[in-house]
PDB file of all heavy atoms in Angstrom:
ATOM      1  N   VAL A   1     -12.378   7.472 -16.439  1.00  0.00           N
ATOM      2  CA  VAL A   1     -11.810   6.258 -15.867  1.00  0.00           C
ATOM      3  C   VAL A   1     -10.393   6.091 -16.393  1.00  0.00           C
ATOM      4  O   VAL A   1     -10.056   6.583 -17.463  1.00  0.00           O
ATOM      5  CB  VAL A   1     -12.649   5.002 -16.211  1.00  0.00           C
ATOM      6  CG1 VAL A   1     -14.033   5.080 -15.585  1.00  0.00           C
ATOM      7  CG2 VAL A   1     -12.756   4.811 -17.707  1.00  0.00           C
ATOM      8  N   GLY A   2      -9.580   5.410 -15.637  1.00  0.00           N
ATOM      9  CA  GLY A   2      -8.213   5.097 -16.045  1.00  0.00           C
ATOM     10  C   GLY A   2      -7.657   4.075 -15.081  1.00  0.00           C
ATOM     11  O   GLY A   2      -7.205   4.423 -13.990  1.00  0.00           O
ATOM     12  N   ALA A   3      -7.735   2.808 -15.447  1.00  0.00           N
ATOM     13  CA  ALA A   3      -7.378   1.722 -14.530  1.00  0.00           C
ATOM     14  C   ALA A   3      -5.956   1.895 -13.997  1.00  0.00           C
ATOM     15  O   ALA A   3      -4.992   1.938 -14.760  1.00  0.00           O
ATOM     16  CB  ALA A   3      -7.521   0.378 -15.242  1.00  0.00           C
ATOM     17  N   GLY A   4      -5.845   2.023 -12.683  1.00  0.00           N
ATOM     18  CA  GLY A   4      -4.549   2.148 -12.033  1.00  0.00           C
ATOM     19  C   GLY A   4      -3.937   3.529 -12.086  1.00  0.00           C
ATOM     20  O   GLY A   4      -2.820   3.719 -11.604  1.00  0.00           O
ATOM     21  N   GLN A   5      -4.639   4.507 -12.624  1.00  0.00           N
ATOM     22  CA  GLN A   5      -4.090   5.857 -12.745  1.00  0.00           C
ATOM     23  C   GLN A   5      -4.598   6.741 -11.609  1.00  0.00           C
ATOM     24  O   GLN A   5      -5.728   6.616 -11.153  1.00  0.00           O
ATOM     25  CB  GLN A   5      -4.475   6.471 -14.091  1.00  0.00           C
ATOM     26  CG  GLN A   5      -3.953   5.696 -15.294  1.00  0.00           C
ATOM     27  CD  GLN A   5      -4.369   6.332 -16.604  1.00  0.00           C
ATOM     28  OE1 GLN A   5      -4.654   7.520 -16.673  1.00  0.00           O
ATOM     29  NE2 GLN A   5      -4.409   5.521 -17.652  1.00  0.00           N
ATOM     30  N   HIS A   6      -3.732   7.659 -11.169  1.00  0.00           N
ATOM     31  CA  HIS A   6      -4.073   8.677 -10.173  1.00  0.00           C
ATOM     32  C   HIS A   6      -4.452   8.075  -8.819  1.00  0.00           C
ATOM     33  O   HIS A   6      -5.209   8.675  -8.061  1.00  0.00           O
ATOM     34  CB  HIS A   6      -5.206   9.574 -10.689  1.00  0.00           C
ATOM     35  CG  HIS A   6      -4.976  10.124 -12.058  1.00  0.00           C
ATOM     36  ND1 HIS A   6      -3.971  11.024 -12.337  1.00  0.00           N
ATOM     37  CD2 HIS A   6      -5.594   9.872 -13.246  1.00  0.00           C
ATOM     38  CE1 HIS A   6      -3.994  11.318 -13.631  1.00  0.00           C
ATOM     39  NE2 HIS A   6      -4.954  10.627 -14.197  1.00  0.00           N
ATOM     40  N   VAL A   7      -3.933   6.896  -8.508  1.00  0.00           N
ATOM     41  CA  VAL A   7      -4.170   6.289  -7.191  1.00  0.00           C
ATOM     42  C   VAL A   7      -2.838   5.825  -6.581  1.00  0.00           C
ATOM     43  O   VAL A   7      -2.799   4.843  -5.840  1.00  0.00           O
ATOM     44  CB  VAL A   7      -5.167   5.113  -7.286  1.00  0.00           C
ATOM     45  CG1 VAL A   7      -6.585   5.608  -7.484  1.00  0.00           C
ATOM     46  CG2 VAL A   7      -4.775   4.132  -8.388  1.00  0.00           C
ATOM     47  N   TRP A   8      -1.762   6.555  -6.879  1.00  0.00           N
ATOM     48  CA  TRP A   8      -0.452   6.158  -6.380  1.00  0.00           C
ATOM     49  C   TRP A   8      -0.373   6.274  -4.863  1.00  0.00           C
ATOM     50  O   TRP A   8       0.323   5.490  -4.214  1.00  0.00           O
ATOM     51  CB  TRP A   8       0.639   7.000  -7.041  1.00  0.00           C
ATOM     52  CG  TRP A   8       0.827   6.655  -8.478  1.00  0.00           C
ATOM     53  CD1 TRP A   8       0.490   7.403  -9.566  1.00  0.00           C
ATOM     54  CD2 TRP A   8       1.369   5.435  -9.006  1.00  0.00           C
ATOM     55  NE1 TRP A   8       0.786   6.742 -10.734  1.00  0.00           N
ATOM     56  CE2 TRP A   8       1.331   5.530 -10.420  1.00  0.00           C
ATOM     57  CE3 TRP A   8       1.884   4.284  -8.429  1.00  0.00           C
ATOM     58  CZ2 TRP A   8       1.782   4.508 -11.245  1.00  0.00           C
ATOM     59  CZ3 TRP A   8       2.333   3.264  -9.249  1.00  0.00           C
ATOM     60  CH2 TRP A   8       2.285   3.380 -10.646  1.00  0.00           C
ATOM     61  N   LEU A   9      -1.053   7.240  -4.286  1.00  0.00           N
ATOM     62  CA  LEU A   9      -1.040   7.362  -2.832  1.00  0.00           C
ATOM     63  C   LEU A   9      -1.671   6.132  -2.192  1.00  0.00           C
ATOM     64  O   LEU A   9      -1.151   5.578  -1.211  1.00  0.00           O
ATOM     65  CB  LEU A   9      -1.784   8.623  -2.399  1.00  0.00           C
ATOM     66  CG  LEU A   9      -1.910   8.835  -0.879  1.00  0.00           C
ATOM     67  CD1 LEU A   9      -0.538   8.951  -0.246  1.00  0.00           C
ATOM     68  CD2 LEU A   9      -2.746  10.077  -0.574  1.00  0.00           C
ATOM     69  N   GLU A  10      -2.784   5.683  -2.753  1.00  0.00           N
ATOM     70  CA  GLU A  10      -3.447   4.499  -2.216  1.00  0.00           C
ATOM     71  C   GLU A  10      -2.588   3.243  -2.413  1.00  0.00           C
ATOM     72  O   GLU A  10      -2.539   2.375  -1.530  1.00  0.00           O
ATOM     73  CB  GLU A  10      -4.809   4.325  -2.887  1.00  0.00           C
ATOM     74  CG  GLU A  10      -5.851   5.346  -2.469  1.00  0.00           C
ATOM     75  CD  GLU A  10      -5.673   6.711  -3.132  1.00  0.00           C
ATOM     76  OE1 GLU A  10      -4.795   6.829  -4.025  1.00  0.00           O
ATOM     77  OE2 GLU A  10      -6.401   7.637  -2.782  1.00  0.00           O
ATOM     78  N   PHE A  11      -1.908   3.150  -3.542  1.00  0.00           N
ATOM     79  CA  PHE A  11      -1.011   2.010  -3.761  1.00  0.00           C
ATOM     80  C   PHE A  11       0.157   2.042  -2.778  1.00  0.00           C
ATOM     81  O   PHE A  11       0.597   0.993  -2.284  1.00  0.00           O
ATOM     82  CB  PHE A  11      -0.494   2.014  -5.197  1.00  0.00           C
ATOM     83  CG  PHE A  11      -1.520   1.603  -6.224  1.00  0.00           C
ATOM     84  CD1 PHE A  11      -1.292   1.801  -7.568  1.00  0.00           C
ATOM     85  CD2 PHE A  11      -2.714   1.023  -5.835  1.00  0.00           C
ATOM     86  CE1 PHE A  11      -2.225   1.418  -8.517  1.00  0.00           C
ATOM     87  CE2 PHE A  11      -3.665   0.641  -6.778  1.00  0.00           C
ATOM     88  CZ  PHE A  11      -3.420   0.832  -8.111  1.00  0.00           C
ATOM     89  N   ALA A  12       0.672   3.244  -2.505  1.00  0.00           N
ATOM     90  CA  ALA A  12       1.758   3.367  -1.521  1.00  0.00           C
ATOM     91  C   ALA A  12       1.271   2.963  -0.139  1.00  0.00           C
ATOM     92  O   ALA A  12       1.993   2.298   0.628  1.00  0.00           O
ATOM     93  CB  ALA A  12       2.288   4.794  -1.507  1.00  0.00           C
ATOM     94  N   LEU A  13       0.037   3.358   0.210  1.00  0.00           N
ATOM     95  CA  LEU A  13      -0.545   2.960   1.486  1.00  0.00           C
ATOM     96  C   LEU A  13      -0.660   1.439   1.571  1.00  0.00           C
ATOM     97  O   LEU A  13      -0.323   0.832   2.598  1.00  0.00           O
ATOM     98  CB  LEU A  13      -1.919   3.603   1.642  1.00  0.00           C
ATOM     99  CG  LEU A  13      -2.730   3.184   2.865  1.00  0.00           C
ATOM    100  CD1 LEU A  13      -2.021   3.626   4.138  1.00  0.00           C
ATOM    101  CD2 LEU A  13      -4.135   3.783   2.802  1.00  0.00           C
ATOM    102  N   ALA A  14      -1.113   0.813   0.474  1.00  0.00           N
ATOM    103  CA  ALA A  14      -1.245  -0.641   0.462  1.00  0.00           C
ATOM    104  C   ALA A  14       0.114  -1.307   0.619  1.00  0.00           C
ATOM    105  O   ALA A  14       0.268  -2.261   1.410  1.00  0.00           O
ATOM    106  CB  ALA A  14      -1.912  -1.089  -0.834  1.00  0.00           C
ATOM    107  N   GLY A  15       1.116  -0.809  -0.099  1.00  0.00           N
ATOM    108  CA  GLY A  15       2.443  -1.405  -0.009  1.00  0.00           C
ATOM    109  C   GLY A  15       3.061  -1.267   1.364  1.00  0.00           C
ATOM    110  O   GLY A  15       3.782  -2.168   1.831  1.00  0.00           O
ATOM    111  N   SER A  16       2.798  -0.164   2.038  1.00  0.00           N
ATOM    112  CA  SER A  16       3.389   0.048   3.367  1.00  0.00           C
ATOM    113  C   SER A  16       2.806  -0.907   4.400  1.00  0.00           C
ATOM    114  O   SER A  16       3.400  -1.084   5.477  1.00  0.00           O
ATOM    115  CB  SER A  16       3.160   1.495   3.813  1.00  0.00           C
ATOM    116  OG  SER A  16       1.778   1.755   4.022  1.00  0.00           O
ATOM    117  N   ALA A  17       1.667  -1.523   4.089  1.00  0.00           N
ATOM    118  CA  ALA A  17       1.070  -2.459   5.052  1.00  0.00           C
ATOM    119  C   ALA A  17       1.935  -3.693   5.246  1.00  0.00           C
ATOM    120  O   ALA A  17       1.909  -4.314   6.319  1.00  0.00           O
ATOM    121  CB  ALA A  17      -0.322  -2.873   4.575  1.00  0.00           C
ATOM    122  N   VAL A  18       2.711  -4.076   4.230  1.00  0.00           N
ATOM    123  CA  VAL A  18       3.506  -5.308   4.329  1.00  0.00           C
ATOM    124  C   VAL A  18       4.579  -5.203   5.414  1.00  0.00           C
ATOM    125  O   VAL A  18       4.588  -6.007   6.368  1.00  0.00           O
ATOM    126  CB  VAL A  18       4.119  -5.668   2.965  1.00  0.00           C
ATOM    127  CG1 VAL A  18       5.048  -6.872   3.098  1.00  0.00           C
ATOM    128  CG2 VAL A  18       3.022  -5.962   1.953  1.00  0.00           C
ATOM    129  N   PRO A  19       5.529  -4.256   5.341  1.00  0.00           N
ATOM    130  CA  PRO A  19       6.561  -4.215   6.389  1.00  0.00           C
ATOM    131  C   PRO A  19       5.989  -3.891   7.762  1.00  0.00           C
ATOM    132  O   PRO A  19       6.490  -4.399   8.780  1.00  0.00           O
ATOM    133  CB  PRO A  19       7.519  -3.119   5.902  1.00  0.00           C
ATOM    134  CG  PRO A  19       6.713  -2.277   4.980  1.00  0.00           C
ATOM    135  CD  PRO A  19       5.745  -3.198   4.323  1.00  0.00           C
ATOM    136  N   VAL A  20       4.955  -3.061   7.815  1.00  0.00           N
ATOM    137  CA  VAL A  20       4.396  -2.691   9.113  1.00  0.00           C
ATOM    138  C   VAL A  20       3.748  -3.898   9.783  1.00  0.00           C
ATOM    139  O   VAL A  20       3.980  -4.183  10.971  1.00  0.00           O
ATOM    140  CB  VAL A  20       3.380  -1.543   8.949  1.00  0.00           C
ATOM    141  CG1 VAL A  20       2.641  -1.286  10.262  1.00  0.00           C
ATOM    142  CG2 VAL A  20       4.090  -0.273   8.498  1.00  0.00           C
ATOM    143  N   LEU A  21       2.930  -4.645   9.046  1.00  0.00           N
ATOM    144  CA  LEU A  21       2.275  -5.818   9.618  1.00  0.00           C
ATOM    145  C   LEU A  21       3.289  -6.878  10.036  1.00  0.00           C
ATOM    146  O   LEU A  21       3.160  -7.495  11.103  1.00  0.00           O
ATOM    147  CB  LEU A  21       1.287  -6.412   8.607  1.00  0.00           C
ATOM    148  CG  LEU A  21      -0.147  -5.890   8.638  1.00  0.00           C
ATOM    149  CD1 LEU A  21      -0.988  -6.587   7.574  1.00  0.00           C
ATOM    150  CD2 LEU A  21      -0.771  -6.076  10.004  1.00  0.00           C
ATOM    151  N   VAL A  22       4.286  -7.109   9.212  1.00  0.00           N
ATOM    152  CA  VAL A  22       5.289  -8.123   9.529  1.00  0.00           C
ATOM    153  C   VAL A  22       6.014  -7.766  10.823  1.00  0.00           C
ATOM    154  O   VAL A  22       6.170  -8.606  11.722  1.00  0.00           O
ATOM    155  CB  VAL A  22       6.285  -8.280   8.359  1.00  0.00           C
ATOM    156  CG1 VAL A  22       7.477  -9.123   8.777  1.00  0.00           C
ATOM    157  CG2 VAL A  22       5.600  -8.916   7.153  1.00  0.00           C
ATOM    158  N   CYS A  23       6.456  -6.526  10.942  1.00  0.00           N
ATOM    159  CA  CYS A  23       7.199  -6.121  12.140  1.00  0.00           C
ATOM    160  C   CYS A  23       6.326  -6.206  13.393  1.00  0.00           C
ATOM    161  O   CYS A  23       6.740  -6.759  14.418  1.00  0.00           O
ATOM    162  CB  CYS A  23       7.734  -4.702  11.967  1.00  0.00           C
ATOM    163  SG  CYS A  23       9.048  -4.535  10.740  1.00  0.00           S
ATOM    164  N   LEU A  24       5.122  -5.677  13.320  1.00  0.00           N
ATOM    165  CA  LEU A  24       4.265  -5.648  14.502  1.00  0.00           C
ATOM    166  C   LEU A  24       3.813  -7.045  14.916  1.00  0.00           C
ATOM    167  O   LEU A  24       3.582  -7.304  16.097  1.00  0.00           O
ATOM    168  CB  LEU A  24       3.055  -4.755  14.241  1.00  0.00           C
ATOM    169  CG  LEU A  24       3.357  -3.272  14.004  1.00  0.00           C
ATOM    170  CD1 LEU A  24       2.074  -2.482  13.807  1.00  0.00           C
ATOM    171  CD2 LEU A  24       4.167  -2.691  15.164  1.00  0.00           C
ATOM    172  N   ALA A  25       3.679  -7.952  13.939  1.00  0.00           N
ATOM    173  CA  ALA A  25       3.216  -9.293  14.272  1.00  0.00           C
ATOM    174  C   ALA A  25       4.319 -10.167  14.854  1.00  0.00           C
ATOM    175  O   ALA A  25       4.036 -11.104  15.615  1.00  0.00           O
ATOM    176  CB  ALA A  25       2.639  -9.958  13.022  1.00  0.00           C
ATOM    177  N   LEU A  26       5.567  -9.897  14.538  1.00  0.00           N
ATOM    178  CA  LEU A  26       6.658 -10.731  15.043  1.00  0.00           C
ATOM    179  C   LEU A  26       7.187 -10.266  16.395  1.00  0.00           C
ATOM    180  O   LEU A  26       7.780 -11.063  17.150  1.00  0.00           O
ATOM    181  CB  LEU A  26       7.806 -10.753  14.029  1.00  0.00           C
ATOM    182  CG  LEU A  26       7.489 -11.350  12.652  1.00  0.00           C
ATOM    183  CD1 LEU A  26       8.758 -11.446  11.820  1.00  0.00           C
ATOM    184  CD2 LEU A  26       6.843 -12.717  12.775  1.00  0.00           C
TER     185      LEU A  26
END
């Protein structure tokens, strides 16, 4: 186990949801 380690791809995926959702919703 390692809290927050080796999941950078998933964190990047989560972060990309913000600009994508904002643009598509407006």
